[in-house]
Amino acid sequence: MFDRQDSLRGSITKERSWWDLKQYRLDIKINPLDRTITGSNVIKYKVVQEYNIMQIDLQNPLEISKIIQDGIELKYSREGSVYFINLESLQK
């Protein structure tokens, strides 16, 4: 039986279909002493349809601490392992 998390992660949602990922740029630091990973990820994407909410999936125990676009910190919500990012303006 499928639940909402399965549907969010396994479906092409409106929050996924409007953008086409072009590049991830990861900068990570692994700290074996306290068993943590920290870092940043710059995402480059092409807009294929106008929209302003982006869906990113991130499995536990990884977490997003903040999201910045064009120097502005964005608001986001989390539903299980799915993050919904509210972009400042309609992406065109």
C-alpha atoms as a PDB file:
ATOM      1  CA  MET A   1       0.000   0.000   0.000  1.00  0.00           C
ATOM      2  CA  PHE A   2       1.344   3.437  -0.947  1.00  0.00           C
ATOM      3  CA  ASP A   3       1.230   6.482   1.310  1.00  0.00           C
ATOM      4  CA  ARG A   4       1.582  10.204   0.571  1.00  0.00           C
ATOM      5  CA  GLN A   5       5.390  10.076   0.967  1.00  0.00           C
ATOM      6  CA  ASP A   6       5.586   7.323  -1.664  1.00  0.00           C
ATOM      7  CA  SER A   7       3.466   9.427  -4.007  1.00  0.00           C
ATOM      8  CA  LEU A   8       5.514  12.584  -3.432  1.00  0.00           C
ATOM      9  CA  ARG A   9       8.853  10.838  -3.976  1.00  0.00           C
ATOM     10  CA  GLY A  10       7.732   8.571  -6.804  1.00  0.00           C
ATOM     11  CA  SER A  11       5.602  10.907  -8.903  1.00  0.00           C
ATOM     12  CA  ILE A  12       6.286  13.773 -11.233  1.00  0.00           C
ATOM     13  CA  THR A  13       4.552  16.455  -9.190  1.00  0.00           C
ATOM     14  CA  LYS A  14       3.776  20.000 -10.329  1.00  0.00           C
ATOM     15  CA  GLU A  15       6.579  21.175  -8.014  1.00  0.00           C
ATOM     16  CA  ARG A  16       9.046  18.964  -9.931  1.00  0.00           C
ATOM     17  CA  SER A  17       7.848  19.164 -13.521  1.00  0.00           C
ATOM     18  CA  TRP A  18       8.376  22.902 -14.127  1.00  0.00           C
ATOM     19  CA  TRP A  19      12.176  22.788 -13.804  1.00  0.00           C
ATOM     20  CA  ASP A  20      14.908  20.733 -15.454  1.00  0.00           C
ATOM     21  CA  LEU A  21      18.011  20.067 -13.361  1.00  0.00           C
ATOM     22  CA  LYS A  22      21.211  21.011 -15.187  1.00  0.00           C
ATOM     23  CA  GLN A  23      23.886  20.788 -12.486  1.00  0.00           C
ATOM     24  CA  TYR A  24      24.559  20.073  -8.814  1.00  0.00           C
ATOM     25  CA  ARG A  25      27.684  21.599  -7.289  1.00  0.00           C
ATOM     26  CA  LEU A  26      28.366  19.935  -3.950  1.00  0.00           C
ATOM     27  CA  ASP A  27      30.834  21.224  -1.367  1.00  0.00           C
ATOM     28  CA  ILE A  28      30.899  18.837   1.579  1.00  0.00           C
ATOM     29  CA  LYS A  29      32.932  18.320   4.727  1.00  0.00           C
ATOM     30  CA  ILE A  30      32.983  14.983   6.516  1.00  0.00           C
ATOM     31  CA  ASN A  31      33.781  15.032  10.222  1.00  0.00           C
ATOM     32  CA  PRO A  32      34.454  11.472  11.416  1.00  0.00           C
ATOM     33  CA  LEU A  33      34.977  12.578  15.038  1.00  0.00           C
ATOM     34  CA  ASP A  34      31.370  13.607  15.575  1.00  0.00           C
ATOM     35  CA  ARG A  35      30.052  11.570  12.634  1.00  0.00           C
ATOM     36  CA  THR A  36      28.562  14.519  10.744  1.00  0.00           C
ATOM     37  CA  ILE A  37      28.480  15.779   7.190  1.00  0.00           C
ATOM     38  CA  THR A  38      28.023  19.488   6.465  1.00  0.00           C
ATOM     39  CA  GLY A  39      28.088  21.360   3.232  1.00  0.00           C
ATOM     40  CA  SER A  40      26.286  23.208   0.517  1.00  0.00           C
ATOM     41  CA  ASN A  41      24.722  22.420  -2.818  1.00  0.00           C
ATOM     42  CA  VAL A  42      24.320  24.896  -5.665  1.00  0.00           C
ATOM     43  CA  ILE A  43      21.581  23.816  -8.061  1.00  0.00           C
ATOM     44  CA  LYS A  44      21.427  25.096 -11.629  1.00  0.00           C
ATOM     45  CA  TYR A  45      18.169  24.504 -13.445  1.00  0.00           C
ATOM     46  CA  LYS A  46      16.271  25.490 -16.570  1.00  0.00           C
ATOM     47  CA  VAL A  47      12.683  26.687 -16.266  1.00  0.00           C
ATOM     48  CA  VAL A  48      10.431  24.715 -18.615  1.00  0.00           C
ATOM     49  CA  GLN A  49       7.130  26.081 -17.279  1.00  0.00           C
ATOM     50  CA  GLU A  50       6.332  29.080 -15.064  1.00  0.00           C
ATOM     51  CA  TYR A  51       5.929  28.209 -11.378  1.00  0.00           C
ATOM     52  CA  ASN A  52       7.222  29.296  -7.958  1.00  0.00           C
ATOM     53  CA  ILE A  53       7.362  26.210  -5.693  1.00  0.00           C
ATOM     54  CA  MET A  54      10.215  23.719  -6.054  1.00  0.00           C
ATOM     55  CA  GLN A  55      10.247  20.182  -4.681  1.00  0.00           C
ATOM     56  CA  ILE A  56      13.528  18.689  -3.445  1.00  0.00           C
ATOM     57  CA  ASP A  57      13.759  15.203  -1.921  1.00  0.00           C
ATOM     58  CA  LEU A  58      16.338  14.668   0.809  1.00  0.00           C
ATOM     59  CA  GLN A  59      16.495  11.413   2.743  1.00  0.00           C
ATOM     60  CA  ASN A  60      16.883  11.334   6.530  1.00  0.00           C
ATOM     61  CA  PRO A  61      19.056  12.073   8.399  1.00  0.00           C
ATOM     62  CA  LEU A  62      20.098  14.820   5.943  1.00  0.00           C
ATOM     63  CA  GLU A  63      18.470  18.223   6.508  1.00  0.00           C
ATOM     64  CA  ILE A  64      18.281  21.610   4.852  1.00  0.00           C
ATOM     65  CA  SER A  65      19.273  24.472   7.168  1.00  0.00           C
ATOM     66  CA  LYS A  66      18.662  27.346   4.738  1.00  0.00           C
ATOM     67  CA  ILE A  67      17.999  28.035   1.079  1.00  0.00           C
ATOM     68  CA  ILE A  68      19.263  31.131  -0.722  1.00  0.00           C
ATOM     69  CA  GLN A  69      18.392  32.325  -4.229  1.00  0.00           C
ATOM     70  CA  ASP A  70      19.894  35.535  -5.620  1.00  0.00           C
ATOM     71  CA  GLY A  71      21.022  36.553  -2.122  1.00  0.00           C
ATOM     72  CA  ILE A  72      17.562  36.135  -0.579  1.00  0.00           C
ATOM     73  CA  GLU A  73      16.879  33.468   2.055  1.00  0.00           C
ATOM     74  CA  LEU A  74      13.796  31.523   0.997  1.00  0.00           C
ATOM     75  CA  LYS A  75      11.016  29.988   3.063  1.00  0.00           C
ATOM     76  CA  TYR A  76      10.377  26.272   2.801  1.00  0.00           C
ATOM     77  CA  SER A  77       8.307  23.547   4.375  1.00  0.00           C
ATOM     78  CA  ARG A  78       9.081  19.906   4.962  1.00  0.00           C
ATOM     79  CA  GLU A  79       6.818  16.903   4.628  1.00  0.00           C
ATOM     80  CA  GLY A  80       8.793  13.797   5.591  1.00  0.00           C
ATOM     81  CA  SER A  81      11.769  13.620   3.236  1.00  0.00           C
ATOM     82  CA  VAL A  82      10.278  16.149   0.802  1.00  0.00           C
ATOM     83  CA  TYR A  83      11.039  19.874   0.944  1.00  0.00           C
ATOM     84  CA  PHE A  84       8.817  22.451  -0.768  1.00  0.00           C
ATOM     85  CA  ILE A  85      10.714  25.670  -1.477  1.00  0.00           C
ATOM     86  CA  ASN A  86       8.772  28.914  -1.910  1.00  0.00           C
ATOM     87  CA  LEU A  87      10.680  30.920  -4.496  1.00  0.00           C
ATOM     88  CA  GLU A  88      10.517  34.716  -4.213  1.00  0.00           C
ATOM     89  CA  SER A  89       9.054  35.186  -7.665  1.00  0.00           C
ATOM     90  CA  LEU A  90       7.456  33.230 -10.453  1.00  0.00           C
ATOM     91  CA  GLN A  91      10.239  31.427 -12.312  1.00  0.00           C
ATOM     92  CA  LYS A  92      10.113  32.074 -16.063  1.00  0.00           C
END
